[in-house]
Amino acid sequence: MVVKADEFLEIFKEEKWKRGNFTYKTILQANKEPAEDSLNNAKIFLSNISKVIKKN
């Protein structure tokens, strides 16, 4: 099957949109809970490091 350049570019644009839409919309929502856990862990870590620094 031979695809004309303009048809190929149209297919590419559609696939690029689907990838971008999935990656930047769906994935972020799906990763919200683990990201919140990571943020809370970082806050706990930072709080404890600050206490260690203040003691020294």
PDB file of N, CA and C in Angstrom:
ATOM      1  N   MET A   1       0.851  -1.190   0.000  1.00  0.00           N
ATOM      2  CA  MET A   1       0.000   0.000   0.000  1.00  0.00           C
ATOM      3  C   MET A   1       0.887   1.241   0.000  1.00  0.00           C
ATOM      4  N   VAL A   2       0.650   2.121  -0.924  1.00  0.00           N
ATOM      5  CA  VAL A   2       1.390   3.373  -1.025  1.00  0.00           C
ATOM      6  C   VAL A   2       0.498   4.491  -0.504  1.00  0.00           C
ATOM      7  N   VAL A   3       1.057   5.300   0.376  1.00  0.00           N
ATOM      8  CA  VAL A   3       0.303   6.406   0.960  1.00  0.00           C
ATOM      9  C   VAL A   3       0.903   7.701   0.459  1.00  0.00           C
ATOM     10  N   LYS A   4       0.046   8.602   0.001  1.00  0.00           N
ATOM     11  CA  LYS A   4       0.519   9.913  -0.443  1.00  0.00           C
ATOM     12  C   LYS A   4       1.027  10.691   0.766  1.00  0.00           C
ATOM     13  N   ALA A   5       1.921  11.626   0.492  1.00  0.00           N
ATOM     14  CA  ALA A   5       2.543  12.404   1.572  1.00  0.00           C
ATOM     15  C   ALA A   5       1.505  13.127   2.420  1.00  0.00           C
ATOM     16  N   ASP A   6       0.508  13.747   1.778  1.00  0.00           N
ATOM     17  CA  ASP A   6      -0.486  14.486   2.558  1.00  0.00           C
ATOM     18  C   ASP A   6      -1.340  13.548   3.412  1.00  0.00           C
ATOM     19  N   GLU A   7      -1.626  12.353   2.909  1.00  0.00           N
ATOM     20  CA  GLU A   7      -2.358  11.371   3.701  1.00  0.00           C
ATOM     21  C   GLU A   7      -1.502  10.904   4.882  1.00  0.00           C
ATOM     22  N   PHE A   8      -0.227  10.679   4.601  1.00  0.00           N
ATOM     23  CA  PHE A   8       0.700  10.252   5.641  1.00  0.00           C
ATOM     24  C   PHE A   8       0.801  11.304   6.740  1.00  0.00           C
ATOM     25  N   LEU A   9       0.912  12.570   6.348  1.00  0.00           N
ATOM     26  CA  LEU A   9       0.995  13.649   7.339  1.00  0.00           C
ATOM     27  C   LEU A   9      -0.283  13.746   8.166  1.00  0.00           C
ATOM     28  N   GLU A  10      -1.422  13.512   7.529  1.00  0.00           N
ATOM     29  CA  GLU A  10      -2.691  13.556   8.257  1.00  0.00           C
ATOM     30  C   GLU A  10      -2.760  12.422   9.290  1.00  0.00           C
ATOM     31  N   ILE A  11      -2.327  11.231   8.886  1.00  0.00           N
ATOM     32  CA  ILE A  11      -2.284  10.103   9.821  1.00  0.00           C
ATOM     33  C   ILE A  11      -1.342  10.426  10.978  1.00  0.00           C
ATOM     34  N   PHE A  12      -0.179  10.984  10.649  1.00  0.00           N
ATOM     35  CA  PHE A  12       0.802  11.348  11.670  1.00  0.00           C
ATOM     36  C   PHE A  12       0.220  12.364  12.649  1.00  0.00           C
ATOM     37  N   LYS A  13      -0.464  13.388  12.130  1.00  0.00           N
ATOM     38  CA  LYS A  13      -1.060  14.404  12.994  1.00  0.00           C
ATOM     39  C   LYS A  13      -2.092  13.796  13.939  1.00  0.00           C
ATOM     40  N   GLU A  14      -2.918  12.890  13.406  1.00  0.00           N
ATOM     41  CA  GLU A  14      -3.932  12.251  14.242  1.00  0.00           C
ATOM     42  C   GLU A  14      -3.288  11.408  15.343  1.00  0.00           C
ATOM     43  N   GLU A  15      -2.282  10.643  14.983  1.00  0.00           N
ATOM     44  CA  GLU A  15      -1.606   9.799  15.971  1.00  0.00           C
ATOM     45  C   GLU A  15      -0.859  10.639  17.004  1.00  0.00           C
ATOM     46  N   LYS A  16      -0.254  11.725  16.551  1.00  0.00           N
ATOM     47  CA  LYS A  16       0.452  12.617  17.476  1.00  0.00           C
ATOM     48  C   LYS A  16      -0.533  13.236  18.462  1.00  0.00           C
ATOM     49  N   TRP A  17      -1.701  13.643  17.967  1.00  0.00           N
ATOM     50  CA  TRP A  17      -2.715  14.219  18.846  1.00  0.00           C
ATOM     51  C   TRP A  17      -3.171  13.185  19.873  1.00  0.00           C
ATOM     52  N   LYS A  18      -3.445  11.958  19.414  1.00  0.00           N
ATOM     53  CA  LYS A  18      -3.892  10.910  20.335  1.00  0.00           C
ATOM     54  C   LYS A  18      -2.841  10.643  21.404  1.00  0.00           C
ATOM     55  N   ARG A  19      -1.586  10.582  20.998  1.00  0.00           N
ATOM     56  CA  ARG A  19      -0.517  10.320  21.970  1.00  0.00           C
ATOM     57  C   ARG A  19      -0.413  11.468  22.970  1.00  0.00           C
ATOM     58  N   GLY A  20      -0.415  12.696  22.475  1.00  0.00           N
ATOM     59  CA  GLY A  20      -0.334  13.856  23.360  1.00  0.00           C
ATOM     60  C   GLY A  20      -1.535  13.956  24.274  1.00  0.00           C
ATOM     61  N   ASN A  21      -2.698  13.720  23.746  1.00  0.00           N
ATOM     62  CA  ASN A  21      -3.916  13.795  24.543  1.00  0.00           C
ATOM     63  C   ASN A  21      -3.908  12.722  25.622  1.00  0.00           C
ATOM     64  N   PHE A  22      -3.539  11.515  25.279  1.00  0.00           N
ATOM     65  CA  PHE A  22      -3.482  10.439  26.263  1.00  0.00           C
ATOM     66  C   PHE A  22      -2.398  10.705  27.297  1.00  0.00           C
ATOM     67  N   THR A  23      -1.218  11.053  26.828  1.00  0.00           N
ATOM     68  CA  THR A  23      -0.080  11.234  27.724  1.00  0.00           C
ATOM     69  C   THR A  23      -0.292  12.384  28.693  1.00  0.00           C
ATOM     70  N   TYR A  24      -0.778  13.512  28.207  1.00  0.00           N
ATOM     71  CA  TYR A  24      -0.857  14.696  29.058  1.00  0.00           C
ATOM     72  C   TYR A  24      -2.201  14.891  29.732  1.00  0.00           C
ATOM     73  N   LYS A  25      -3.212  14.148  29.338  1.00  0.00           N
ATOM     74  CA  LYS A  25      -4.512  14.269  29.993  1.00  0.00           C
ATOM     75  C   LYS A  25      -4.796  13.047  30.860  1.00  0.00           C
ATOM     76  N   THR A  26      -4.841  11.902  30.249  1.00  0.00           N
ATOM     77  CA  THR A  26      -5.221  10.687  30.957  1.00  0.00           C
ATOM     78  C   THR A  26      -4.176  10.269  31.978  1.00  0.00           C
ATOM     79  N   ILE A  27      -2.920  10.255  31.576  1.00  0.00           N
ATOM     80  CA  ILE A  27      -1.863   9.770  32.454  1.00  0.00           C
ATOM     81  C   ILE A  27      -1.765  10.620  33.722  1.00  0.00           C
ATOM     82  N   LEU A  28      -1.862  11.913  33.583  1.00  0.00           N
ATOM     83  CA  LEU A  28      -1.770  12.771  34.767  1.00  0.00           C
ATOM     84  C   LEU A  28      -2.872  12.456  35.763  1.00  0.00           C
ATOM     85  N   GLN A  29      -4.070  12.240  35.265  1.00  0.00           N
ATOM     86  CA  GLN A  29      -5.184  11.922  36.151  1.00  0.00           C
ATOM     87  C   GLN A  29      -4.980  10.558  36.798  1.00  0.00           C
ATOM     88  N   ALA A  30      -4.472   9.617  36.028  1.00  0.00           N
ATOM     89  CA  ALA A  30      -4.257   8.268  36.544  1.00  0.00           C
ATOM     90  C   ALA A  30      -3.153   8.249  37.594  1.00  0.00           C
ATOM     91  N   ASN A  31      -2.205   9.150  37.479  1.00  0.00           N
ATOM     92  CA  ASN A  31      -1.063   9.174  38.399  1.00  0.00           C
ATOM     93  C   ASN A  31      -1.243  10.142  39.562  1.00  0.00           C
ATOM     94  N   LYS A  32      -2.412  10.715  39.707  1.00  0.00           N
ATOM     95  CA  LYS A  32      -2.614  11.728  40.742  1.00  0.00           C
ATOM     96  C   LYS A  32      -2.378  11.170  42.148  1.00  0.00           C
ATOM     97  N   GLU A  33      -2.953  10.013  42.461  1.00  0.00           N
ATOM     98  CA  GLU A  33      -2.806   9.454  43.804  1.00  0.00           C
ATOM     99  C   GLU A  33      -1.357   9.117  44.143  1.00  0.00           C
ATOM    100  N   PRO A  34      -0.623   8.408  43.258  1.00  0.00           N
ATOM    101  CA  PRO A  34       0.792   8.151  43.572  1.00  0.00           C
ATOM    102  C   PRO A  34       1.614   9.438  43.671  1.00  0.00           C
ATOM    103  N   ALA A  35       1.261  10.444  42.871  1.00  0.00           N
ATOM    104  CA  ALA A  35       1.987  11.715  42.927  1.00  0.00           C
ATOM    105  C   ALA A  35       1.741  12.415  44.256  1.00  0.00           C
ATOM    106  N   GLU A  36       0.513  12.337  44.753  1.00  0.00           N
ATOM    107  CA  GLU A  36       0.215  12.936  46.060  1.00  0.00           C
ATOM    108  C   GLU A  36       0.976  12.219  47.173  1.00  0.00           C
ATOM    109  N   ASP A  37       1.069  10.901  47.072  1.00  0.00           N
ATOM    110  CA  ASP A  37       1.858  10.142  48.051  1.00  0.00           C
ATOM    111  C   ASP A  37       3.318  10.573  48.015  1.00  0.00           C
ATOM    112  N   SER A  38       3.858  10.739  46.817  1.00  0.00           N
ATOM    113  CA  SER A  38       5.254  11.167  46.675  1.00  0.00           C
ATOM    114  C   SER A  38       5.461  12.551  47.263  1.00  0.00           C
ATOM    115  N   LEU A  39       4.514  13.443  47.024  1.00  0.00           N
ATOM    116  CA  LEU A  39       4.606  14.794  47.564  1.00  0.00           C
ATOM    117  C   LEU A  39       4.575  14.775  49.092  1.00  0.00           C
ATOM    118  N   ASN A  40       3.686  13.987  49.664  1.00  0.00           N
ATOM    119  CA  ASN A  40       3.626  13.876  51.129  1.00  0.00           C
ATOM    120  C   ASN A  40       4.914  13.294  51.691  1.00  0.00           C
ATOM    121  N   ASN A  41       5.454  12.274  51.027  1.00  0.00           N
ATOM    122  CA  ASN A  41       6.723  11.697  51.476  1.00  0.00           C
ATOM    123  C   ASN A  41       7.850  12.723  51.408  1.00  0.00           C
ATOM    124  N   ALA A  42       7.850  13.533  50.355  1.00  0.00           N
ATOM    125  CA  ALA A  42       8.878  14.571  50.217  1.00  0.00           C
ATOM    126  C   ALA A  42       8.751  15.606  51.333  1.00  0.00           C
ATOM    127  N   LYS A  43       7.527  15.964  51.680  1.00  0.00           N
ATOM    128  CA  LYS A  43       7.313  16.930  52.766  1.00  0.00           C
ATOM    129  C   LYS A  43       7.818  16.379  54.100  1.00  0.00           C
ATOM    130  N   ILE A  44       7.527  15.109  54.359  1.00  0.00           N
ATOM    131  CA  ILE A  44       8.002  14.472  55.598  1.00  0.00           C
ATOM    132  C   ILE A  44       9.525  14.446  55.625  1.00  0.00           C
ATOM    133  N   PHE A  45      10.129  14.057  54.509  1.00  0.00           N
ATOM    134  CA  PHE A  45      11.584  13.996  54.410  1.00  0.00           C
ATOM    135  C   PHE A  45      12.190  15.372  54.657  1.00  0.00           C
ATOM    136  N   LEU A  46      11.655  16.395  53.979  1.00  0.00           N
ATOM    137  CA  LEU A  46      12.183  17.750  54.108  1.00  0.00           C
ATOM    138  C   LEU A  46      12.044  18.267  55.535  1.00  0.00           C
ATOM    139  N   SER A  47      10.919  17.986  56.153  1.00  0.00           N
ATOM    140  CA  SER A  47      10.696  18.415  57.530  1.00  0.00           C
ATOM    141  C   SER A  47      11.733  17.803  58.465  1.00  0.00           C
ATOM    142  N   ASN A  48      11.990  16.518  58.288  1.00  0.00           N
ATOM    143  CA  ASN A  48      12.962  15.838  59.144  1.00  0.00           C
ATOM    144  C   ASN A  48      14.386  16.291  58.875  1.00  0.00           C
ATOM    145  N   ILE A  49      14.732  16.538  57.636  1.00  0.00           N
ATOM    146  CA  ILE A  49      16.073  17.037  57.301  1.00  0.00           C
ATOM    147  C   ILE A  49      16.272  18.418  57.916  1.00  0.00           C
ATOM    148  N   SER A  50      15.237  19.248  57.868  1.00  0.00           N
ATOM    149  CA  SER A  50      15.322  20.583  58.479  1.00  0.00           C
ATOM    150  C   SER A  50      15.593  20.487  59.974  1.00  0.00           C
ATOM    151  N   LYS A  51      14.944  19.540  60.647  1.00  0.00           N
ATOM    152  CA  LYS A  51      15.170  19.347  62.087  1.00  0.00           C
ATOM    153  C   LYS A  51      16.602  18.918  62.367  1.00  0.00           C
ATOM    154  N   VAL A  52      17.134  18.029  61.538  1.00  0.00           N
ATOM    155  CA  VAL A  52      18.517  17.570  61.709  1.00  0.00           C
ATOM    156  C   VAL A  52      19.482  18.730  61.525  1.00  0.00           C
ATOM    157  N   ILE A  53      19.242  19.555  60.517  1.00  0.00           N
ATOM    158  CA  ILE A  53      20.124  20.694  60.245  1.00  0.00           C
ATOM    159  C   ILE A  53      20.078  21.692  61.403  1.00  0.00           C
ATOM    160  N   LYS A  54      18.900  21.956  61.939  1.00  0.00           N
ATOM    161  CA  LYS A  54      18.761  22.911  63.042  1.00  0.00           C
ATOM    162  C   LYS A  54      19.465  22.435  64.307  1.00  0.00           C
ATOM    163  N   LYS A  55      19.523  21.118  64.521  1.00  0.00           N
ATOM    164  CA  LYS A  55      20.199  20.575  65.703  1.00  0.00           C
ATOM    165  C   LYS A  55      21.707  20.753  65.610  1.00  0.00           C
ATOM    166  N   ASN A  56      22.237  20.773  64.400  1.00  0.00           N
ATOM    167  CA  ASN A  56      23.696  20.872  64.226  1.00  0.00           C
ATOM    168  C   ASN A  56      24.063  22.261  63.963  1.00  0.00           C
TER     169      ASN A  56
END
